[in-house]
Amino acid sequence: MNILFIIADQWRGECLSSLGHPLVKTPHLDALAADGVTFKRHYGQSAPCGPSR
């Protein structure tokens, strides 16, 4: 089993066309979302970029 997490810092989650953004076109990420799982609500104890600093 392969697991791929895509976590973008300073990029709002609804900025994907698969999640309904009317202007942004993200065909490759939309294809990944269609074949996988999209977490629309998640929480972390720090910012996504925090652990890498």
N, C-alpha and C. Protein backbone atom coordinates (compact mmCIF):
# COMPACT_ATOMS: atom_id res chain seq x y z
N MET A 1 0.83 -1.16 0.00
CA MET A 1 0.00 0.00 0.00
C MET A 1 0.89 1.24 0.00
N ASN A 2 0.58 2.19 -0.85
CA ASN A 2 1.31 3.45 -0.90
C ASN A 2 0.44 4.55 -0.32
N ILE A 3 1.03 5.39 0.50
CA ILE A 3 0.32 6.51 1.10
C ILE A 3 1.05 7.79 0.73
N LEU A 4 0.32 8.75 0.22
CA LEU A 4 0.88 10.04 -0.16
C LEU A 4 0.09 11.13 0.55
N PHE A 5 0.76 11.89 1.41
CA PHE A 5 0.15 13.04 2.07
C PHE A 5 0.64 14.29 1.36
N ILE A 6 -0.28 15.13 0.93
CA ILE A 6 0.08 16.42 0.37
C ILE A 6 -0.40 17.47 1.35
N ILE A 7 0.55 18.16 1.97
CA ILE A 7 0.24 19.20 2.94
C ILE A 7 0.87 20.48 2.43
N ALA A 8 0.05 21.46 2.14
CA ALA A 8 0.55 22.72 1.61
C ALA A 8 0.43 23.81 2.66
N ASP A 9 1.53 24.48 2.94
CA ASP A 9 1.53 25.58 3.89
C ASP A 9 1.14 26.86 3.14
N GLN A 10 0.32 27.67 3.76
CA GLN A 10 -0.14 28.94 3.21
C GLN A 10 -0.92 28.76 1.91
N TRP A 11 -1.71 27.71 1.86
CA TRP A 11 -2.54 27.43 0.68
C TRP A 11 -3.85 26.87 1.20
N ARG A 12 -4.92 27.59 0.99
CA ARG A 12 -6.22 27.19 1.51
C ARG A 12 -6.69 25.91 0.83
N GLY A 13 -7.31 25.05 1.61
CA GLY A 13 -7.77 23.76 1.10
C GLY A 13 -8.82 23.86 0.01
N GLU A 14 -9.66 24.89 0.07
CA GLU A 14 -10.70 25.01 -0.95
C GLU A 14 -10.19 25.61 -2.25
N CYS A 15 -8.90 25.77 -2.38
CA CYS A 15 -8.32 26.28 -3.62
C CYS A 15 -8.03 25.15 -4.61
N LEU A 16 -8.84 24.13 -4.57
CA LEU A 16 -8.78 23.03 -5.55
C LEU A 16 -10.07 23.04 -6.34
N SER A 17 -9.98 22.81 -7.62
CA SER A 17 -11.21 22.78 -8.41
C SER A 17 -12.08 21.58 -8.03
N SER A 18 -11.49 20.51 -7.51
CA SER A 18 -12.29 19.35 -7.09
C SER A 18 -13.12 19.66 -5.84
N LEU A 19 -12.74 20.69 -5.10
CA LEU A 19 -13.51 21.09 -3.91
C LEU A 19 -14.40 22.29 -4.19
N GLY A 20 -14.53 22.65 -5.47
CA GLY A 20 -15.51 23.65 -5.86
C GLY A 20 -15.02 25.06 -6.13
N HIS A 21 -13.71 25.28 -6.19
CA HIS A 21 -13.24 26.63 -6.50
C HIS A 21 -13.63 26.98 -7.93
N PRO A 22 -14.26 28.14 -8.15
CA PRO A 22 -14.77 28.46 -9.48
C PRO A 22 -13.72 28.87 -10.51
N LEU A 23 -12.53 29.31 -10.08
CA LEU A 23 -11.54 29.82 -11.02
C LEU A 23 -10.29 28.96 -11.15
N VAL A 24 -9.85 28.38 -10.07
CA VAL A 24 -8.59 27.63 -10.07
C VAL A 24 -8.77 26.28 -10.77
N LYS A 25 -7.84 25.93 -11.62
CA LYS A 25 -7.86 24.64 -12.32
C LYS A 25 -6.70 23.79 -11.82
N THR A 26 -7.01 22.66 -11.21
CA THR A 26 -5.98 21.76 -10.67
C THR A 26 -6.25 20.33 -11.13
N PRO A 27 -6.08 20.04 -12.41
CA PRO A 27 -6.48 18.73 -12.94
C PRO A 27 -5.70 17.55 -12.35
N HIS A 28 -4.43 17.72 -12.08
CA HIS A 28 -3.64 16.60 -11.56
C HIS A 28 -4.00 16.29 -10.11
N LEU A 29 -4.16 17.33 -9.30
CA LEU A 29 -4.59 17.12 -7.92
C LEU A 29 -6.02 16.61 -7.86
N ASP A 30 -6.86 17.03 -8.80
CA ASP A 30 -8.24 16.53 -8.88
C ASP A 30 -8.25 15.04 -9.18
N ALA A 31 -7.35 14.59 -10.05
CA ALA A 31 -7.27 13.16 -10.36
C ALA A 31 -6.82 12.36 -9.14
N LEU A 32 -5.86 12.89 -8.39
CA LEU A 32 -5.44 12.22 -7.15
C LEU A 32 -6.59 12.16 -6.15
N ALA A 33 -7.33 13.25 -6.03
CA ALA A 33 -8.45 13.29 -5.09
C ALA A 33 -9.56 12.33 -5.51
N ALA A 34 -9.77 12.16 -6.80
CA ALA A 34 -10.82 11.26 -7.28
C ALA A 34 -10.48 9.80 -6.99
N ASP A 35 -9.20 9.46 -7.00
CA ASP A 35 -8.78 8.07 -6.77
C ASP A 35 -8.41 7.78 -5.32
N GLY A 36 -8.45 8.80 -4.48
CA GLY A 36 -8.01 8.60 -3.10
C GLY A 36 -9.00 9.15 -2.10
N VAL A 37 -8.47 9.62 -1.00
CA VAL A 37 -9.27 10.16 0.09
C VAL A 37 -8.88 11.61 0.31
N THR A 38 -9.87 12.47 0.45
CA THR A 38 -9.63 13.88 0.73
C THR A 38 -10.13 14.18 2.13
N PHE A 39 -9.25 14.67 2.97
CA PHE A 39 -9.63 15.07 4.33
C PHE A 39 -9.98 16.56 4.30
N LYS A 40 -11.25 16.86 4.45
CA LYS A 40 -11.68 18.25 4.36
C LYS A 40 -11.59 18.98 5.70
N ARG A 41 -11.57 18.24 6.79
CA ARG A 41 -11.44 18.84 8.12
C ARG A 41 -10.40 18.05 8.90
N HIS A 42 -9.31 18.69 9.18
CA HIS A 42 -8.27 18.04 9.98
C HIS A 42 -7.65 19.07 10.91
N TYR A 43 -7.03 18.59 11.94
CA TYR A 43 -6.45 19.47 12.96
C TYR A 43 -5.04 18.99 13.29
N GLY A 44 -4.20 19.94 13.61
CA GLY A 44 -2.85 19.63 14.05
C GLY A 44 -2.46 20.55 15.19
N GLN A 45 -1.52 20.14 15.98
CA GLN A 45 -1.14 20.98 17.13
C GLN A 45 -0.17 22.07 16.75
N SER A 46 0.33 22.04 15.52
CA SER A 46 1.22 23.11 15.06
C SER A 46 0.94 23.36 13.59
N ALA A 47 1.47 24.46 13.09
CA ALA A 47 1.33 24.75 11.66
C ALA A 47 2.05 23.67 10.85
N PRO A 48 1.59 23.38 9.63
CA PRO A 48 2.25 22.33 8.83
C PRO A 48 3.74 22.57 8.60
N CYS A 49 4.16 23.84 8.56
CA CYS A 49 5.58 24.12 8.32
C CYS A 49 6.39 24.11 9.61
N GLY A 50 5.74 24.09 10.76
CA GLY A 50 6.44 24.18 12.04
C GLY A 50 7.45 23.08 12.29
N PRO A 51 7.10 21.80 12.13
CA PRO A 51 8.05 20.72 12.41
C PRO A 51 9.30 20.74 11.53
N SER A 52 9.23 21.36 10.36
CA SER A 52 10.39 21.37 9.47
C SER A 52 11.35 22.51 9.78
N ARG A 53 11.00 23.38 10.69
CA ARG A 53 11.88 24.52 11.01
C ARG A 53 12.92 24.16 12.03
